């Protein structure tokens, strides 16, 4: 299975789950998650999945291209060409990449 190369640039999240440690599922209960792990579980990559992975993000910091939503609706039409579908998919993943590239922006990710 191959994924866009920017997935590897997303930060790794480590957390400690005492039950996982107690049950022997993870040494000391420490589990690491990558964005690729999350994409596999969600079944897709999108700005919402990326934002949830990072906790919360302000979409306005990394706005979508102006034609993104019309391209989405065009790609969903039964008459959409493979080129239209691919163009939308490429633009969509480009926005996800931009979110990760701006992960350190003080207004993008909010932890509360």
PDB file of N, CA and C in Angstrom:
ATOM      1  N   UNK A   1       0.857  -1.159   0.000  1.00  0.00           N
ATOM      2  CA  UNK A   1       0.000   0.000   0.000  1.00  0.00           C
ATOM      3  C   UNK A   1       0.907   1.227   0.000  1.00  0.00           C
ATOM      4  N   UNK A   2       0.653   2.148  -0.889  1.00  0.00           N
ATOM      5  CA  UNK A   2       1.470   3.362  -0.913  1.00  0.00           C
ATOM      6  C   UNK A   2       0.603   4.570  -0.574  1.00  0.00           C
ATOM      7  N   UNK A   3       1.242   5.544   0.035  1.00  0.00           N
ATOM      8  CA  UNK A   3       0.565   6.753   0.476  1.00  0.00           C
ATOM      9  C   UNK A   3       1.356   7.958  -0.004  1.00  0.00           C
ATOM     10  N   UNK A   4       0.729   9.142  -0.062  1.00  0.00           N
ATOM     11  CA  UNK A   4       1.480  10.340  -0.423  1.00  0.00           C
ATOM     12  C   UNK A   4       2.681  10.515   0.519  1.00  0.00           C
ATOM     13  N   UNK A   5       3.797  10.965  -0.026  1.00  0.00           N
ATOM     14  CA  UNK A   5       5.029  11.061   0.765  1.00  0.00           C
ATOM     15  C   UNK A   5       4.907  12.021   1.943  1.00  0.00           C
ATOM     16  N   UNK A   6       4.026  13.015   1.858  1.00  0.00           N
ATOM     17  CA  UNK A   6       3.923  13.965   2.967  1.00  0.00           C
ATOM     18  C   UNK A   6       3.356  13.327   4.229  1.00  0.00           C
ATOM     19  N   UNK A   7       2.714  12.164   4.119  1.00  0.00           N
ATOM     20  CA  UNK A   7       2.213  11.486   5.314  1.00  0.00           C
ATOM     21  C   UNK A   7       3.357  11.248   6.302  1.00  0.00           C
ATOM     22  N   UNK A   8       4.552  10.940   5.776  1.00  0.00           N
ATOM     23  CA  UNK A   8       5.702  10.664   6.636  1.00  0.00           C
ATOM     24  C   UNK A   8       6.203  11.911   7.359  1.00  0.00           C
ATOM     25  N   UNK A   9       5.815  13.094   6.895  1.00  0.00           N
ATOM     26  CA  UNK A   9       6.262  14.343   7.511  1.00  0.00           C
ATOM     27  C   UNK A   9       5.365  14.771   8.671  1.00  0.00           C
ATOM     28  N   UNK A  10       4.195  14.169   8.779  1.00  0.00           N
ATOM     29  CA  UNK A  10       3.277  14.519   9.869  1.00  0.00           C
ATOM     30  C   UNK A  10       3.882  14.066  11.196  1.00  0.00           C
ATOM     31  N   UNK A  11       3.656  14.829  12.250  1.00  0.00           N
ATOM     32  CA  UNK A  11       4.220  14.439  13.543  1.00  0.00           C
ATOM     33  C   UNK A  11       3.642  13.112  14.023  1.00  0.00           C
ATOM     34  N   UNK A  12       4.466  12.369  14.748  1.00  0.00           N
ATOM     35  CA  UNK A  12       4.028  11.119  15.369  1.00  0.00           C
ATOM     36  C   UNK A  12       3.453  11.457  16.741  1.00  0.00           C
ATOM     37  N   UNK A  13       2.356  10.833  17.075  1.00  0.00           N
ATOM     38  CA  UNK A  13       1.717  11.060  18.367  1.00  0.00           C
ATOM     39  C   UNK A  13       1.988   9.851  19.254  1.00  0.00           C
ATOM     40  N   UNK A  14       2.514  10.106  20.446  1.00  0.00           N
ATOM     41  CA  UNK A  14       2.733   9.045  21.427  1.00  0.00           C
ATOM     42  C   UNK A  14       1.811   9.289  22.605  1.00  0.00           C
ATOM     43  N   UNK A  15       1.204   8.222  23.080  1.00  0.00           N
ATOM     44  CA  UNK A  15       0.377   8.349  24.268  1.00  0.00           C
ATOM     45  C   UNK A  15       0.581   7.124  25.138  1.00  0.00           C
ATOM     46  N   UNK A  16       0.257   7.286  26.400  1.00  0.00           N
ATOM     47  CA  UNK A  16       0.399   6.179  27.331  1.00  0.00           C
ATOM     48  C   UNK A  16      -0.988   5.732  27.759  1.00  0.00           C
ATOM     49  N   UNK A  17      -1.232   4.450  27.559  1.00  0.00           N
ATOM     50  CA  UNK A  17      -2.496   3.845  27.958  1.00  0.00           C
ATOM     51  C   UNK A  17      -2.167   2.812  29.033  1.00  0.00           C
ATOM     52  N   UNK A  18      -2.450   3.122  30.296  1.00  0.00           N
ATOM     53  CA  UNK A  18      -2.106   2.189  31.367  1.00  0.00           C
ATOM     54  C   UNK A  18      -2.695   0.790  31.169  1.00  0.00           C
ATOM     55  N   UNK A  19      -3.894   0.704  30.614  1.00  0.00           N
ATOM     56  CA  UNK A  19      -4.499  -0.608  30.395  1.00  0.00           C
ATOM     57  C   UNK A  19      -3.709  -1.402  29.361  1.00  0.00           C
ATOM     58  N   UNK A  20      -3.233  -0.734  28.304  1.00  0.00           N
ATOM     59  CA  UNK A  20      -2.414  -1.420  27.295  1.00  0.00           C
ATOM     60  C   UNK A  20      -1.141  -1.965  27.930  1.00  0.00           C
ATOM     61  N   UNK A  21      -0.567  -1.210  28.859  1.00  0.00           N
ATOM     62  CA  UNK A  21       0.617  -1.693  29.568  1.00  0.00           C
ATOM     63  C   UNK A  21       0.278  -2.858  30.480  1.00  0.00           C
ATOM     64  N   UNK A  22      -0.793  -2.732  31.231  1.00  0.00           N
ATOM     65  CA  UNK A  22      -1.217  -3.774  32.162  1.00  0.00           C
ATOM     66  C   UNK A  22      -1.516  -5.081  31.440  1.00  0.00           C
ATOM     67  N   UNK A  23      -2.166  -4.994  30.292  1.00  0.00           N
ATOM     68  CA  UNK A  23      -2.538  -6.189  29.533  1.00  0.00           C
ATOM     69  C   UNK A  23      -1.413  -6.702  28.643  1.00  0.00           C
ATOM     70  N   UNK A  24      -0.304  -5.979  28.601  1.00  0.00           N
ATOM     71  CA  UNK A  24       0.834  -6.415  27.796  1.00  0.00           C
ATOM     72  C   UNK A  24       0.708  -6.104  26.318  1.00  0.00           C
ATOM     73  N   UNK A  25      -0.198  -5.218  25.951  1.00  0.00           N
ATOM     74  CA  UNK A  25      -0.379  -4.878  24.538  1.00  0.00           C
ATOM     75  C   UNK A  25       0.695  -3.923  24.036  1.00  0.00           C
ATOM     76  N   UNK A  26       1.265  -3.120  24.938  1.00  0.00           N
ATOM     77  CA  UNK A  26       2.308  -2.163  24.562  1.00  0.00           C
ATOM     78  C   UNK A  26       3.253  -1.997  25.748  1.00  0.00           C
ATOM     79  N   UNK A  27       4.558  -2.037  25.490  1.00  0.00           N
ATOM     80  CA  UNK A  27       5.557  -1.899  26.550  1.00  0.00           C
ATOM     81  C   UNK A  27       5.338  -0.593  27.307  1.00  0.00           C
ATOM     82  N   UNK A  28       5.161  -0.696  28.608  1.00  0.00           N
ATOM     83  CA  UNK A  28       4.873   0.456  29.472  1.00  0.00           C
ATOM     84  C   UNK A  28       3.606   1.206  29.063  1.00  0.00           C
ATOM     85  N   UNK A  29       2.801   0.605  28.211  1.00  0.00           N
ATOM     86  CA  UNK A  29       1.555   1.230  27.789  1.00  0.00           C
ATOM     87  C   UNK A  29       1.726   2.347  26.777  1.00  0.00           C
ATOM     88  N   UNK A  30       2.940   2.510  26.230  1.00  0.00           N
ATOM     89  CA  UNK A  30       3.195   3.591  25.280  1.00  0.00           C
ATOM     90  C   UNK A  30       2.856   3.122  23.867  1.00  0.00           C
ATOM     91  N   UNK A  31       1.974   3.860  23.228  1.00  0.00           N
ATOM     92  CA  UNK A  31       1.542   3.550  21.865  1.00  0.00           C
ATOM     93  C   UNK A  31       1.854   4.757  20.994  1.00  0.00           C
ATOM     94  N   UNK A  32       2.456   4.494  19.828  1.00  0.00           N
ATOM     95  CA  UNK A  32       2.736   5.567  18.879  1.00  0.00           C
ATOM     96  C   UNK A  32       1.810   5.428  17.683  1.00  0.00           C
ATOM     97  N   UNK A  33       1.289   6.565  17.252  1.00  0.00           N
ATOM     98  CA  UNK A  33       0.422   6.606  16.082  1.00  0.00           C
ATOM     99  C   UNK A  33       1.036   7.532  15.041  1.00  0.00           C
ATOM    100  N   UNK A  34       0.951   7.113  13.794  1.00  0.00           N
ATOM    101  CA  UNK A  34       1.361   7.965  12.684  1.00  0.00           C
ATOM    102  C   UNK A  34       0.105   8.383  11.928  1.00  0.00           C
ATOM    103  N   UNK A  35       0.252   9.402  11.099  1.00  0.00           N
ATOM    104  CA  UNK A  35      -0.893   9.813  10.290  1.00  0.00           C
ATOM    105  C   UNK A  35      -1.330   8.668   9.379  1.00  0.00           C
ATOM    106  N   UNK A  36      -0.376   7.884   8.891  1.00  0.00           N
ATOM    107  CA  UNK A  36      -0.718   6.733   8.050  1.00  0.00           C
ATOM    108  C   UNK A  36      -1.607   5.754   8.811  1.00  0.00           C
ATOM    109  N   UNK A  37      -1.315   5.522  10.099  1.00  0.00           N
ATOM    110  CA  UNK A  37      -2.171   4.650  10.915  1.00  0.00           C
ATOM    111  C   UNK A  37      -3.600   5.179  10.942  1.00  0.00           C
ATOM    112  N   UNK A  38      -3.732   6.480  11.123  1.00  0.00           N
ATOM    113  CA  UNK A  38      -5.057   7.095  11.216  1.00  0.00           C
ATOM    114  C   UNK A  38      -5.798   6.990   9.886  1.00  0.00           C
ATOM    115  N   UNK A  39      -5.084   7.201   8.784  1.00  0.00           N
ATOM    116  CA  UNK A  39      -5.704   7.090   7.459  1.00  0.00           C
ATOM    117  C   UNK A  39      -6.202   5.667   7.234  1.00  0.00           C
ATOM    118  N   UNK A  40      -5.421   4.685   7.642  1.00  0.00           N
ATOM    119  CA  UNK A  40      -5.854   3.290   7.491  1.00  0.00           C
ATOM    120  C   UNK A  40      -7.133   3.036   8.286  1.00  0.00           C
ATOM    121  N   UNK A  41      -7.202   3.575   9.499  1.00  0.00           N
ATOM    122  CA  UNK A  41      -8.388   3.361  10.331  1.00  0.00           C
ATOM    123  C   UNK A  41      -9.594   4.140   9.829  1.00  0.00           C
ATOM    124  N   UNK A  42      -9.369   5.363   9.364  1.00  0.00           N
ATOM    125  CA  UNK A  42     -10.475   6.181   8.851  1.00  0.00           C
ATOM    126  C   UNK A  42     -10.918   5.712   7.469  1.00  0.00           C
ATOM    127  N   UNK A  43      -9.987   5.139   6.732  1.00  0.00           N
ATOM    128  CA  UNK A  43     -10.294   4.699   5.375  1.00  0.00           C
ATOM    129  C   UNK A  43     -10.073   5.775   4.334  1.00  0.00           C
ATOM    130  N   UNK A  44      -9.615   6.949   4.770  1.00  0.00           N
ATOM    131  CA  UNK A  44      -9.353   8.038   3.829  1.00  0.00           C
ATOM    132  C   UNK A  44      -8.544   9.129   4.528  1.00  0.00           C
ATOM    133  N   UNK A  45      -8.020  10.044   3.726  1.00  0.00           N
ATOM    134  CA  UNK A  45      -7.313  11.221   4.227  1.00  0.00           C
ATOM    135  C   UNK A  45      -8.048  12.458   3.742  1.00  0.00           C
ATOM    136  N   UNK A  46      -8.316  13.371   4.649  1.00  0.00           N
ATOM    137  CA  UNK A  46      -8.982  14.620   4.289  1.00  0.00           C
ATOM    138  C   UNK A  46      -8.601  15.663   5.330  1.00  0.00           C
ATOM    139  N   UNK A  47      -8.929  16.930   5.097  1.00  0.00           N
ATOM    140  CA  UNK A  47      -8.615  17.948   6.099  1.00  0.00           C
ATOM    141  C   UNK A  47      -9.221  17.652   7.472  1.00  0.00           C
ATOM    142  N   UNK A  48     -10.376  17.045   7.513  1.00  0.00           N
ATOM    143  CA  UNK A  48     -10.993  16.725   8.800  1.00  0.00           C
ATOM    144  C   UNK A  48     -10.192  15.668   9.539  1.00  0.00           C
ATOM    145  N   UNK A  49      -9.770  14.623   8.835  1.00  0.00           N
ATOM    146  CA  UNK A  49      -8.955  13.579   9.462  1.00  0.00           C
ATOM    147  C   UNK A  49      -7.627  14.176   9.920  1.00  0.00           C
ATOM    148  N   UNK A  50      -7.004  14.996   9.071  1.00  0.00           N
ATOM    149  CA  UNK A  50      -5.733  15.629   9.445  1.00  0.00           C
ATOM    150  C   UNK A  50      -5.915  16.522  10.666  1.00  0.00           C
ATOM    151  N   UNK A  51      -6.983  17.307  10.669  1.00  0.00           N
ATOM    152  CA  UNK A  51      -7.239  18.196  11.793  1.00  0.00           C
ATOM    153  C   UNK A  51      -7.526  17.440  13.075  1.00  0.00           C
ATOM    154  N   UNK A  52      -8.314  16.380  12.968  1.00  0.00           N
ATOM    155  CA  UNK A  52      -8.607  15.567  14.148  1.00  0.00           C
ATOM    156  C   UNK A  52      -7.337  14.920  14.669  1.00  0.00           C
ATOM    157  N   UNK A  53      -6.475  14.501  13.750  1.00  0.00           N
ATOM    158  CA  UNK A  53      -5.200  13.904  14.144  1.00  0.00           C
ATOM    159  C   UNK A  53      -4.376  14.910  14.940  1.00  0.00           C
ATOM    160  N   UNK A  54      -4.395  16.142  14.530  1.00  0.00           N
ATOM    161  CA  UNK A  54      -3.628  17.178  15.227  1.00  0.00           C
ATOM    162  C   UNK A  54      -4.393  17.766  16.408  1.00  0.00           C
ATOM    163  N   UNK A  55      -5.608  17.377  16.616  1.00  0.00           N
ATOM    164  CA  UNK A  55      -6.527  17.773  17.678  1.00  0.00           C
ATOM    165  C   UNK A  55      -7.587  18.707  17.123  1.00  0.00           C
ATOM    166  N   UNK A  56      -7.272  19.944  16.920  1.00  0.00           N
ATOM    167  CA  UNK A  56      -8.210  20.921  16.389  1.00  0.00           C
ATOM    168  C   UNK A  56      -7.422  21.870  15.509  1.00  0.00           C
ATOM    169  N   UNK A  57      -7.988  22.253  14.387  1.00  0.00           N
ATOM    170  CA  UNK A  57      -7.292  23.236  13.561  1.00  0.00           C
ATOM    171  C   UNK A  57      -8.274  24.256  13.036  1.00  0.00           C
ATOM    172  N   UNK A  58      -7.762  25.465  12.793  1.00  0.00           N
ATOM    173  CA  UNK A  58      -8.561  26.538  12.215  1.00  0.00           C
ATOM    174  C   UNK A  58      -8.377  26.478  10.709  1.00  0.00           C
ATOM    175  N   UNK A  59      -9.382  26.046  10.017  1.00  0.00           N
ATOM    176  CA  UNK A  59      -9.280  25.860   8.571  1.00  0.00           C
ATOM    177  C   UNK A  59      -8.914  27.145   7.842  1.00  0.00           C
ATOM    178  N   UNK A  60      -9.291  28.291   8.378  1.00  0.00           N
ATOM    179  CA  UNK A  60      -9.009  29.557   7.702  1.00  0.00           C
ATOM    180  C   UNK A  60      -7.517  29.845   7.602  1.00  0.00           C
ATOM    181  N   UNK A  61      -6.709  29.227   8.466  1.00  0.00           N
ATOM    182  CA  UNK A  61      -5.262  29.430   8.399  1.00  0.00           C
ATOM    183  C   UNK A  61      -4.702  28.788   7.133  1.00  0.00           C
ATOM    184  N   UNK A  62      -5.304  27.690   6.707  1.00  0.00           N
ATOM    185  CA  UNK A  62      -4.898  27.003   5.473  1.00  0.00           C
ATOM    186  C   UNK A  62      -6.155  26.853   4.614  1.00  0.00           C
ATOM    187  N   UNK A  63      -6.563  27.927   3.965  1.00  0.00           N
ATOM    188  CA  UNK A  63      -7.810  27.868   3.198  1.00  0.00           C
ATOM    189  C   UNK A  63      -7.709  26.950   1.987  1.00  0.00           C
ATOM    190  N   UNK A  64      -8.821  26.376   1.642  1.00  0.00           N
ATOM    191  CA  UNK A  64      -8.891  25.540   0.438  1.00  0.00           C
ATOM    192  C   UNK A  64      -8.800  26.438  -0.788  1.00  0.00           C
ATOM    193  N   UNK A  65      -8.350  25.854  -1.886  1.00  0.00           N
ATOM    194  CA  UNK A  65      -8.325  26.586  -3.150  1.00  0.00           C
ATOM    195  C   UNK A  65      -9.757  27.009  -3.484  1.00  0.00           C
ATOM    196  N   UNK A  66      -9.944  28.164  -4.101  1.00  0.00           N
ATOM    197  CA  UNK A  66     -11.298  28.661  -4.387  1.00  0.00           C
ATOM    198  C   UNK A  66     -12.170  27.677  -5.172  1.00  0.00           C
ATOM    199  N   UNK A  67     -11.578  26.896  -6.040  1.00  0.00           N
ATOM    200  CA  UNK A  67     -12.358  25.969  -6.852  1.00  0.00           C
ATOM    201  C   UNK A  67     -12.557  24.596  -6.238  1.00  0.00           C
ATOM    202  N   UNK A  68     -12.137  24.413  -4.976  1.00  0.00           N
ATOM    203  CA  UNK A  68     -12.180  23.088  -4.347  1.00  0.00           C
ATOM    204  C   UNK A  68     -13.602  22.522  -4.263  1.00  0.00           C
ATOM    205  N   UNK A  69     -14.544  23.269  -3.728  1.00  0.00           N
ATOM    206  CA  UNK A  69     -15.895  22.732  -3.555  1.00  0.00           C
ATOM    207  C   UNK A  69     -16.590  22.485  -4.889  1.00  0.00           C
ATOM    208  N   UNK A  70     -16.514  23.404  -5.860  1.00  0.00           N
ATOM    209  CA  UNK A  70     -17.102  23.075  -7.161  1.00  0.00           C
ATOM    210  C   UNK A  70     -16.461  21.829  -7.779  1.00  0.00           C
ATOM    211  N   UNK A  71     -15.147  21.678  -7.597  1.00  0.00           N
ATOM    212  CA  UNK A  71     -14.467  20.489  -8.134  1.00  0.00           C
ATOM    213  C   UNK A  71     -14.958  19.225  -7.437  1.00  0.00           C
ATOM    214  N   UNK A  72     -15.239  19.321  -6.139  1.00  0.00           N
ATOM    215  CA  UNK A  72     -15.786  18.178  -5.402  1.00  0.00           C
ATOM    216  C   UNK A  72     -17.126  17.768  -5.993  1.00  0.00           C
ATOM    217  N   UNK A  73     -18.011  18.733  -6.165  1.00  0.00           N
ATOM    218  CA  UNK A  73     -19.339  18.418  -6.700  1.00  0.00           C
ATOM    219  C   UNK A  73     -19.250  17.866  -8.123  1.00  0.00           C
ATOM    220  N   UNK A  74     -18.344  18.417  -8.930  1.00  0.00           N
ATOM    221  CA  UNK A  74     -18.147  17.897 -10.291  1.00  0.00           C
ATOM    222  C   UNK A  74     -17.651  16.456 -10.249  1.00  0.00           C
ATOM    223  N   UNK A  75     -16.703  16.174  -9.348  1.00  0.00           N
ATOM    224  CA  UNK A  75     -16.119  14.832  -9.254  1.00  0.00           C
ATOM    225  C   UNK A  75     -17.139  13.803  -8.772  1.00  0.00           C
ATOM    226  N   UNK A  76     -18.142  14.243  -8.028  1.00  0.00           N
ATOM    227  CA  UNK A  76     -19.164  13.327  -7.517  1.00  0.00           C
ATOM    228  C   UNK A  76     -20.252  13.000  -8.539  1.00  0.00           C
ATOM    229  N   UNK A  77     -20.312  13.763  -9.609  1.00  0.00           N
ATOM    230  CA  UNK A  77     -21.315  13.511 -10.649  1.00  0.00           C
ATOM    231  C   UNK A  77     -21.025  12.185 -11.352  1.00  0.00           C
ATOM    232  N   UNK A  78     -22.073  11.480 -11.730  1.00  0.00           N
ATOM    233  CA  UNK A  78     -21.902  10.222 -12.470  1.00  0.00           C
ATOM    234  C   UNK A  78     -21.155  10.433 -13.778  1.00  0.00           C
ATOM    235  N   UNK A  79     -21.279  11.614 -14.337  1.00  0.00           N
ATOM    236  CA  UNK A  79     -20.647  11.919 -15.623  1.00  0.00           C
ATOM    237  C   UNK A  79     -19.209  12.422 -15.472  1.00  0.00           C
ATOM    238  N   UNK A  80     -18.696  12.461 -14.253  1.00  0.00           N
ATOM    239  CA  UNK A  80     -17.335  12.965 -14.032  1.00  0.00           C
ATOM    240  C   UNK A  80     -16.317  12.084 -14.741  1.00  0.00           C
ATOM    241  N   UNK A  81     -15.375  12.731 -15.372  1.00  0.00           N
ATOM    242  CA  UNK A  81     -14.311  11.996 -16.061  1.00  0.00           C
ATOM    243  C   UNK A  81     -13.262  11.547 -15.042  1.00  0.00           C
ATOM    244  N   UNK A  82     -12.477  10.531 -15.384  1.00  0.00           N
ATOM    245  CA  UNK A  82     -11.378  10.125 -14.499  1.00  0.00           C
ATOM    246  C   UNK A  82     -10.426  11.295 -14.219  1.00  0.00           C
ATOM    247  N   UNK A  83     -10.252  12.167 -15.208  1.00  0.00           N
ATOM    248  CA  UNK A  83      -9.372  13.325 -15.024  1.00  0.00           C
ATOM    249  C   UNK A  83      -9.940  14.299 -13.993  1.00  0.00           C
ATOM    250  N   UNK A  84     -11.267  14.512 -14.025  1.00  0.00           N
ATOM    251  CA  UNK A  84     -11.898  15.389 -13.036  1.00  0.00           C
ATOM    252  C   UNK A  84     -11.756  14.803 -11.630  1.00  0.00           C
ATOM    253  N   UNK A  85     -11.975  13.513 -11.522  1.00  0.00           N
ATOM    254  CA  UNK A  85     -11.856  12.857 -10.217  1.00  0.00           C
ATOM    255  C   UNK A  85     -10.425  12.938  -9.696  1.00  0.00           C
ATOM    256  N   UNK A  86      -9.457  12.701 -10.575  1.00  0.00           N
ATOM    257  CA  UNK A  86      -8.056  12.750 -10.162  1.00  0.00           C
ATOM    258  C   UNK A  86      -7.634  14.171  -9.809  1.00  0.00           C
ATOM    259  N   UNK A  87      -8.094  15.150 -10.574  1.00  0.00           N
ATOM    260  CA  UNK A  87      -7.755  16.547 -10.279  1.00  0.00           C
ATOM    261  C   UNK A  87      -8.275  16.946  -8.900  1.00  0.00           C
ATOM    262  N   UNK A  88      -9.500  16.523  -8.586  1.00  0.00           N
ATOM    263  CA  UNK A  88     -10.039  16.835  -7.267  1.00  0.00           C
ATOM    264  C   UNK A  88      -9.232  16.130  -6.182  1.00  0.00           C
ATOM    265  N   UNK A  89      -8.951  14.841  -6.365  1.00  0.00           N
ATOM    266  CA  UNK A  89      -8.204  14.077  -5.361  1.00  0.00           C
ATOM    267  C   UNK A  89      -6.837  14.705  -5.107  1.00  0.00           C
ATOM    268  N   UNK A  90      -6.182  15.137  -6.163  1.00  0.00           N
ATOM    269  CA  UNK A  90      -4.870  15.771  -6.023  1.00  0.00           C
ATOM    270  C   UNK A  90      -4.983  17.079  -5.242  1.00  0.00           C
ATOM    271  N   UNK A  91      -5.973  17.899  -5.570  1.00  0.00           N
ATOM    272  CA  UNK A  91      -6.171  19.168  -4.862  1.00  0.00           C
ATOM    273  C   UNK A  91      -6.517  18.930  -3.390  1.00  0.00           C
ATOM    274  N   UNK A  92      -7.333  17.925  -3.132  1.00  0.00           N
ATOM    275  CA  UNK A  92      -7.754  17.604  -1.764  1.00  0.00           C
ATOM    276  C   UNK A  92      -6.549  17.203  -0.917  1.00  0.00           C
ATOM    277  N   UNK A  93      -5.722  16.298  -1.442  1.00  0.00           N
ATOM    278  CA  UNK A  93      -4.552  15.855  -0.692  1.00  0.00           C
ATOM    279  C   UNK A  93      -3.513  16.971  -0.571  1.00  0.00           C
ATOM    280  N   UNK A  94      -3.490  17.894  -1.537  1.00  0.00           N
ATOM    281  CA  UNK A  94      -2.591  19.036  -1.430  1.00  0.00           C
ATOM    282  C   UNK A  94      -2.975  19.896  -0.229  1.00  0.00           C
ATOM    283  N   UNK A  95      -4.268  20.051   0.000  1.00  0.00           N
ATOM    284  CA  UNK A  95      -4.700  20.825   1.175  1.00  0.00           C
ATOM    285  C   UNK A  95      -4.312  20.111   2.463  1.00  0.00           C
ATOM    286  N   UNK A  96      -4.460  18.786   2.505  1.00  0.00           N
ATOM    287  CA  UNK A  96      -4.043  18.022   3.685  1.00  0.00           C
ATOM    288  C   UNK A  96      -2.543  18.235   3.918  1.00  0.00           C
ATOM    289  N   UNK A  97      -1.744  18.171   2.831  1.00  0.00           N
ATOM    290  CA  UNK A  97      -0.296  18.386   2.935  1.00  0.00           C
ATOM    291  C   UNK A  97      -0.014  19.774   3.514  1.00  0.00           C
ATOM    292  N   UNK A  98      -0.736  20.783   3.040  1.00  0.00           N
ATOM    293  CA  UNK A  98      -0.527  22.151   3.525  1.00  0.00           C
ATOM    294  C   UNK A  98      -0.859  22.285   5.011  1.00  0.00           C
ATOM    295  N   UNK A  99      -1.861  21.564   5.471  1.00  0.00           N
ATOM    296  CA  UNK A  99      -2.202  21.586   6.894  1.00  0.00           C
ATOM    297  C   UNK A  99      -1.021  21.080   7.704  1.00  0.00           C
ATOM    298  N   UNK A 100      -0.432  19.952   7.280  1.00  0.00           N
ATOM    299  CA  UNK A 100       0.718  19.421   8.010  1.00  0.00           C
ATOM    300  C   UNK A 100       1.929  20.338   7.898  1.00  0.00           C
ATOM    301  N   UNK A 101       2.127  20.959   6.750  1.00  0.00           N
ATOM    302  CA  UNK A 101       3.247  21.885   6.593  1.00  0.00           C
ATOM    303  C   UNK A 101       3.103  23.097   7.507  1.00  0.00           C
ATOM    304  N   UNK A 102       1.889  23.421   7.895  1.00  0.00           N
ATOM    305  CA  UNK A 102       1.630  24.557   8.774  1.00  0.00           C
ATOM    306  C   UNK A 102       1.291  24.129  10.200  1.00  0.00           C
ATOM    307  N   UNK A 103       1.609  22.896  10.551  1.00  0.00           N
ATOM    308  CA  UNK A 103       1.246  22.363  11.867  1.00  0.00           C
ATOM    309  C   UNK A 103       1.818  23.188  13.013  1.00  0.00           C
ATOM    310  N   UNK A 104       2.924  23.881  12.798  1.00  0.00           N
ATOM    311  CA  UNK A 104       3.523  24.697  13.855  1.00  0.00           C
ATOM    312  C   UNK A 104       2.999  26.129  13.877  1.00  0.00           C
ATOM    313  N   UNK A 105       2.104  26.459  12.968  1.00  0.00           N
ATOM    314  CA  UNK A 105       1.526  27.809  12.952  1.00  0.00           C
ATOM    315  C   UNK A 105       0.738  27.986  14.248  1.00  0.00           C
ATOM    316  N   UNK A 106       0.992  29.053  14.988  1.00  0.00           N
ATOM    317  CA  UNK A 106       0.349  29.199  16.296  1.00  0.00           C
ATOM    318  C   UNK A 106      -1.171  29.284  16.259  1.00  0.00           C
ATOM    319  N   UNK A 107      -1.744  29.625  15.131  1.00  0.00           N
ATOM    320  CA  UNK A 107      -3.201  29.734  15.064  1.00  0.00           C
ATOM    321  C   UNK A 107      -3.864  28.525  14.413  1.00  0.00           C
ATOM    322  N   UNK A 108      -3.065  27.594  13.880  1.00  0.00           N
ATOM    323  CA  UNK A 108      -3.646  26.442  13.186  1.00  0.00           C
ATOM    324  C   UNK A 108      -4.116  25.382  14.165  1.00  0.00           C
ATOM    325  N   UNK A 109      -3.250  24.985  15.050  1.00  0.00           N
ATOM    326  CA  UNK A 109      -3.554  23.894  15.968  1.00  0.00           C
ATOM    327  C   UNK A 109      -3.795  24.474  17.354  1.00  0.00           C
ATOM    328  N   UNK A 110      -4.942  24.135  17.922  1.00  0.00           N
ATOM    329  CA  UNK A 110      -5.317  24.657  19.229  1.00  0.00           C
ATOM    330  C   UNK A 110      -5.511  23.476  20.169  1.00  0.00           C
ATOM    331  N   UNK A 111      -4.739  23.435  21.242  1.00  0.00           N
ATOM    332  CA  UNK A 111      -4.881  22.391  22.251  1.00  0.00           C
ATOM    333  C   UNK A 111      -5.497  23.030  23.485  1.00  0.00           C
ATOM    334  N   UNK A 112      -6.631  22.516  23.894  1.00  0.00           N
ATOM    335  CA  UNK A 112      -7.292  23.051  25.091  1.00  0.00           C
ATOM    336  C   UNK A 112      -7.673  21.922  26.005  1.00  0.00           C
TER     337      UNK A 112
END
